[in-house]
Amino acid sequence: MKSVYRTLNAILITSLMTMCGIEIKAQNTRGDSALAYKQRGDAWQLKGEPKKAIEDYSLALVFDPKNAEIYGNRGIARYDDGDVDGAIMDYDRAIEINPRMARALYNRGLAHKVRGDLDAAIRDFDRALKINPDFIEAYNNRGIVRKLKGNLEGAITDFDQAVKLNPRLAEAYNNRGNARLAGRLYPTAIEDYSRAIRLNPRYSTAYLNRGIARKNLGDIDNALTDFDRALELNQGFGEVYLQRGLLLWQLGRNDQAQRDFEQCIRLNPEIEKVIAARMAEKE
């Protein structure tokens, strides 16, 4: 489905950029010029060219410096370009202009989460949800942050609301499973991961997480089956090699475990010390 959306977006981008290229040269009002640059910025953003999008949004703001939507869009482009601080500045400006702009509040919450400012992230998600109580992504991401802060009950409540609003949101089931896994509620965590997998049979992360939950319940054969399936879907998934290797080491299948550890280290050299520590715990 994502590939279909990308194809449709590509078609839209091509026509939109052609159109904007003509319009930008022949505008008679500041508002029209701002709109033309914004539209071309939107097209660059859809194409995955955030730097070019930022340039056009900046030009649009020259003509319309009080347009909250353009600040919000430039914030997204800056975030995608790795400039999280710049993104937050744009979201600040968008919210200053339009305090009820739920999307800007949500996006600023995501940026705060990336920076590790979890309290600020929750405040922004709270504000976004007061404005739009059906904001599924805000529930999902507030749940993630609540879990990071150790508020597992609050996290589960948020994921409950997310799946209530969209029962086909595989990510929310996986995230609720993670909160239940952290709370050692292994059977219900497995149910959530299984639901996520039914909705998205290629969800390698859900297979990994279900494998961990099954391992913790002592269901070793099915845990190994889940780890194997996760690697069939994503051969570069280093965490799966780590988890499968630790389980194989625990089972005394040291040669197989060593191969998994070596592959994990190839994918992520910084993990070597973690593996050594975890193996020492098992001895």
Protein backbone atom coordinates (compact mmCIF):
# COMPACT_ATOMS: atom_id res chain seq x y z
CA MET A 1 0.00 0.00 0.00
CA LYS A 2 2.87 2.39 0.80
CA SER A 3 4.28 1.88 -2.68
CA VAL A 4 0.93 2.83 -4.19
CA TYR A 5 0.85 6.01 -2.11
CA ARG A 6 4.41 6.82 -3.14
CA THR A 7 3.51 6.37 -6.80
CA LEU A 8 0.48 8.63 -6.46
CA ASN A 9 2.55 11.18 -4.59
CA ALA A 10 5.22 11.07 -7.28
CA ILE A 11 2.60 11.81 -9.94
CA LEU A 12 1.23 14.64 -7.82
CA ILE A 13 4.70 16.03 -7.20
CA THR A 14 5.63 16.07 -10.88
CA SER A 15 2.51 17.96 -11.91
CA LEU A 16 2.61 20.25 -8.88
CA MET A 17 6.24 21.22 -9.37
CA THR A 18 5.63 21.94 -13.05
CA MET A 19 2.66 24.06 -12.14
CA CYS A 20 4.51 25.91 -9.38
CA GLY A 21 7.48 26.57 -11.60
CA ILE A 22 5.21 28.50 -13.92
CA GLU A 23 3.19 30.28 -11.25
CA ILE A 24 6.15 31.55 -9.26
CA LYS A 25 7.35 33.55 -12.26
CA ALA A 26 4.08 35.34 -12.78
CA GLN A 27 2.52 36.36 -9.46
CA ASN A 28 0.83 39.71 -9.01
CA THR A 29 0.17 39.66 -5.25
CA ARG A 30 2.17 38.75 -2.16
CA GLY A 31 -0.44 36.19 -1.19
CA ASP A 32 -0.22 34.46 -4.55
CA SER A 33 3.58 34.41 -4.36
CA ALA A 34 3.48 32.92 -0.86
CA LEU A 35 1.04 30.24 -2.02
CA ALA A 36 3.15 29.34 -5.04
CA TYR A 37 6.34 28.95 -2.99
CA LYS A 38 4.44 27.00 -0.33
CA GLN A 39 3.03 24.62 -2.92
CA ARG A 40 6.43 24.02 -4.43
CA GLY A 41 7.83 23.50 -0.94
CA ASP A 42 5.09 20.93 -0.30
CA ALA A 43 6.05 19.18 -3.53
CA TRP A 44 9.75 19.05 -2.59
CA GLN A 45 8.82 17.70 0.82
CA LEU A 46 6.70 14.94 -0.68
CA LYS A 47 9.58 14.07 -2.95
CA GLY A 48 11.91 13.69 0.03
CA GLU A 49 13.93 16.87 -0.60
CA PRO A 50 13.65 18.74 2.73
CA LYS A 51 16.47 21.22 2.04
CA LYS A 52 14.76 22.45 -1.12
CA ALA A 53 11.44 22.49 0.72
CA ILE A 54 12.98 24.67 3.44
CA GLU A 55 14.22 27.15 0.82
CA ASP A 56 10.76 27.51 -0.71
CA TYR A 57 8.96 27.73 2.64
CA SER A 58 11.42 30.45 3.67
CA LEU A 59 10.65 32.38 0.48
CA ALA A 60 6.92 31.91 1.10
CA LEU A 61 7.33 33.43 4.57
CA VAL A 62 8.94 36.53 3.07
CA PHE A 63 5.59 37.21 1.36
CA ASP A 64 3.37 35.93 4.20
CA PRO A 65 5.26 36.13 7.52
CA LYS A 66 2.23 35.36 9.68
CA ASN A 67 1.20 32.10 8.03
CA ALA A 68 1.16 29.41 10.73
CA GLU A 69 0.77 26.58 8.24
CA ILE A 70 3.96 27.53 6.38
CA TYR A 71 5.92 27.71 9.65
CA GLY A 72 4.52 24.30 10.56
CA ASN A 73 5.49 22.83 7.20
CA ARG A 74 9.00 24.29 7.38
CA GLY A 75 9.28 22.78 10.86
CA ILE A 76 8.50 19.35 9.41
CA ALA A 77 11.09 19.83 6.68
CA ARG A 78 13.72 20.94 9.20
CA TYR A 79 12.92 17.94 11.41
CA ASP A 80 13.31 15.61 8.42
CA ASP A 81 16.60 17.33 7.60
CA GLY A 82 17.91 16.64 11.10
CA ASP A 83 17.57 20.18 12.43
CA VAL A 84 15.40 19.40 15.45
CA ASP A 85 16.11 22.69 17.22
CA GLY A 86 15.20 24.64 14.08
CA ALA A 87 12.02 22.59 13.76
CA ILE A 88 11.01 23.45 17.32
CA MET A 89 11.57 27.15 16.61
CA ASP A 90 9.23 26.92 13.61
CA TYR A 91 6.60 25.03 15.59
CA ASP A 92 6.88 27.66 18.34
CA ARG A 93 6.15 30.38 15.80
CA ALA A 94 3.26 28.45 14.24
CA ILE A 95 1.69 27.91 17.67
CA GLU A 96 2.24 31.55 18.61
CA ILE A 97 0.29 32.57 15.51
CA ASN A 98 -2.37 29.88 15.93
CA PRO A 99 -2.52 28.42 19.48
CA ARG A 100 -5.13 25.86 18.35
CA MET A 101 -2.93 24.32 15.68
CA ALA A 102 -3.03 20.73 16.98
CA ARG A 103 -0.73 19.36 14.28
CA ALA A 104 2.04 21.83 15.17
CA LEU A 105 1.69 20.97 18.85
CA TYR A 106 1.90 17.28 18.02
CA ASN A 107 4.94 17.75 15.79
CA ARG A 108 6.67 19.82 18.45
CA GLY A 109 5.96 17.01 20.89
CA LEU A 110 7.71 14.57 18.54
CA ALA A 111 10.71 16.90 18.37
CA HIS A 112 10.86 17.19 22.16
CA LYS A 113 10.71 13.38 22.38
CA VAL A 114 13.70 13.07 20.04
CA ARG A 115 15.62 15.58 22.17
CA GLY A 116 14.82 13.56 25.28
CA ASP A 117 12.62 16.23 26.85
CA LEU A 118 9.82 13.81 27.68
CA ASP A 119 7.87 16.14 29.97
CA ALA A 120 7.71 18.80 27.25
CA ALA A 121 6.62 16.15 24.75
CA ILE A 122 3.75 15.05 26.99
CA ARG A 123 2.64 18.65 27.53
CA ASP A 124 2.42 19.17 23.78
CA PHE A 125 0.58 15.90 23.19
CA ASP A 126 -1.84 16.84 26.01
CA ARG A 127 -2.54 20.21 24.38
CA ALA A 128 -2.99 18.64 20.95
CA LEU A 129 -5.50 16.15 22.36
CA LYS A 130 -7.49 18.85 24.13
CA ILE A 131 -7.93 20.53 20.76
CA ASN A 132 -8.52 17.29 18.86
CA PRO A 133 -9.68 14.41 21.09
CA ASP A 134 -9.61 12.03 18.09
CA PHE A 135 -5.93 12.61 17.29
CA ILE A 136 -4.80 8.99 16.98
CA GLU A 137 -1.09 9.69 16.46
CA ALA A 138 -1.02 11.88 19.57
CA TYR A 139 -2.44 9.07 21.72
CA ASN A 140 0.04 6.61 20.22
CA ASN A 141 3.08 8.82 20.78
CA ARG A 142 1.99 9.99 24.21
CA GLY A 143 1.72 6.33 25.09
CA ILE A 144 5.28 5.74 23.90
CA VAL A 145 6.57 8.63 26.03
CA ARG A 146 4.56 7.54 29.06
CA LYS A 147 6.12 4.09 28.75
CA LEU A 148 9.59 5.65 28.55
CA LYS A 149 8.81 7.49 31.79
CA GLY A 150 7.65 4.27 33.48
CA ASN A 151 3.94 5.13 33.46
CA LEU A 152 2.84 1.80 32.03
CA GLU A 153 -0.80 2.15 33.06
CA GLY A 154 -1.04 5.55 31.38
CA ALA A 155 0.71 4.21 28.29
CA ILE A 156 -1.71 1.30 27.98
CA THR A 157 -4.65 3.70 28.36
CA ASP A 158 -3.33 5.78 25.47
CA PHE A 159 -2.79 2.76 23.24
CA ASP A 160 -6.29 1.53 24.15
CA GLN A 161 -7.68 4.82 22.87
CA ALA A 162 -5.55 4.67 19.72
CA VAL A 163 -6.84 1.21 18.76
CA LYS A 164 -10.38 2.20 19.71
CA LEU A 165 -10.17 5.04 17.19
CA ASN A 166 -8.40 2.87 14.60
CA PRO A 167 -8.74 -0.89 15.23
CA ARG A 168 -6.43 -1.58 12.27
CA LEU A 169 -3.45 0.40 13.57
CA ALA A 170 -0.85 -2.36 13.89
CA GLU A 171 1.73 -0.01 15.42
CA ALA A 172 -0.53 0.79 18.38
CA TYR A 173 -1.06 -2.91 19.14
CA ASN A 174 2.69 -3.45 19.02
CA ASN A 175 3.25 -0.48 21.31
CA ARG A 176 0.61 -1.67 23.77
CA GLY A 177 2.31 -5.05 23.70
CA ASN A 178 5.59 -3.33 24.61
CA ALA A 179 3.98 -1.65 27.61
CA ARG A 180 2.51 -4.98 28.73
CA LEU A 181 5.85 -6.69 28.14
CA ALA A 182 7.54 -4.09 30.36
CA GLY A 183 4.90 -4.84 33.00
CA ARG A 184 5.55 -8.60 32.65
CA LEU A 185 2.02 -9.13 31.36
CA TYR A 186 3.36 -11.64 28.86
CA PRO A 187 0.15 -13.41 27.71
CA THR A 188 -1.65 -10.15 26.89
CA ALA A 189 1.51 -8.76 25.31
CA ILE A 190 1.61 -11.80 23.02
CA GLU A 191 -2.03 -11.20 22.12
CA ASP A 192 -1.21 -7.63 21.10
CA TYR A 193 1.82 -8.64 19.03
CA SER A 194 -0.23 -11.36 17.33
CA ARG A 195 -2.93 -8.82 16.48
CA ALA A 196 -0.30 -6.48 15.04
CA ILE A 197 1.09 -9.34 12.93
CA ARG A 198 -2.36 -10.29 11.64
CA LEU A 199 -2.84 -6.70 10.52
CA ASN A 200 0.67 -6.50 9.05
CA PRO A 201 2.20 -9.94 8.37
CA ARG A 202 5.53 -8.30 7.47
CA TYR A 203 5.89 -6.48 10.78
CA SER A 204 9.35 -7.73 11.75
CA THR A 205 9.46 -5.70 14.98
CA ALA A 206 6.27 -7.34 16.23
CA TYR A 207 7.77 -10.79 15.55
CA LEU A 208 10.87 -9.81 17.54
CA ASN A 209 8.80 -8.52 20.44
CA ARG A 210 6.51 -11.55 20.46
CA GLY A 211 9.60 -13.75 20.47
CA ILE A 212 10.91 -11.96 23.55
CA ALA A 213 7.56 -12.34 25.34
CA ARG A 214 7.40 -16.03 24.42
CA LYS A 215 10.98 -16.53 25.62
CA ASN A 216 10.05 -14.96 28.97
CA LEU A 217 7.13 -17.39 29.25
CA GLY A 218 9.43 -20.33 28.54
CA ASP A 219 7.92 -20.99 25.11
CA ILE A 220 11.35 -21.47 23.57
CA ASP A 221 10.44 -23.16 20.28
CA ASN A 222 7.91 -20.51 19.32
CA ALA A 223 10.27 -17.74 20.45
CA LEU A 224 12.95 -19.07 18.08
CA THR A 225 10.36 -19.34 15.31
CA ASP A 226 9.47 -15.67 15.80
CA PHE A 227 13.11 -14.59 15.76
CA ASP A 228 13.67 -16.60 12.59
CA ARG A 229 10.65 -15.00 10.92
CA ALA A 230 11.78 -11.51 11.91
CA LEU A 231 15.13 -12.15 10.21
CA GLU A 232 13.45 -13.56 7.11
CA LEU A 233 11.65 -10.22 6.83
CA ASN A 234 14.65 -8.07 7.73
CA GLN A 235 18.11 -9.63 7.49
CA GLY A 236 19.71 -6.44 8.80
CA PHE A 237 17.77 -6.42 12.08
CA GLY A 238 20.63 -6.49 14.58
CA GLU A 239 18.47 -6.68 17.70
CA VAL A 240 17.02 -9.99 16.53
CA TYR A 241 20.47 -11.52 16.16
CA LEU A 242 21.23 -10.35 19.70
CA GLN A 243 18.05 -11.78 21.21
CA ARG A 244 18.26 -15.07 19.33
CA GLY A 245 21.94 -15.38 20.18
CA LEU A 246 21.29 -14.87 23.89
CA LEU A 247 18.57 -17.49 23.83
CA LEU A 248 20.76 -19.98 21.94
CA TRP A 249 23.59 -19.33 24.41
CA GLN A 250 21.19 -20.00 27.27
CA LEU A 251 20.25 -23.30 25.61
CA GLY A 252 23.90 -24.29 25.31
CA ARG A 253 23.95 -23.96 21.52
CA ASN A 254 27.06 -21.83 21.73
CA ASP A 255 28.32 -22.17 18.15
CA GLN A 256 25.00 -20.94 16.75
CA ALA A 257 24.86 -18.20 19.37
CA GLN A 258 28.36 -17.04 18.46
CA ARG A 259 27.37 -16.71 14.80
CA ASP A 260 24.42 -14.56 15.78
CA PHE A 261 26.59 -12.37 18.01
CA GLU A 262 29.15 -11.91 15.24
CA GLN A 263 26.44 -10.85 12.80
CA CYS A 264 24.97 -8.47 15.37
CA ILE A 265 28.41 -6.87 15.91
CA ARG A 266 28.92 -6.52 12.16
CA LEU A 267 25.67 -4.60 11.98
CA ASN A 268 26.34 -2.58 15.13
CA PRO A 269 29.96 -2.65 16.39
CA GLU A 270 29.03 -0.72 19.53
CA ILE A 271 26.97 -3.65 20.79
CA GLU A 272 30.00 -5.89 21.48
CA LYS A 273 30.35 -4.77 25.11
CA VAL A 274 26.63 -5.30 25.69
CA ILE A 275 26.87 -8.84 24.34
CA ALA A 276 29.86 -9.62 26.55
CA ALA A 277 28.00 -8.35 29.61
CA ARG A 278 24.83 -10.27 28.79
CA MET A 279 26.79 -13.49 28.18
CA ALA A 280 28.51 -13.06 31.54
CA GLU A 281 25.10 -12.83 33.19
CA LYS A 282 24.09 -16.15 31.66
CA GLU A 283 27.21 -17.98 32.89
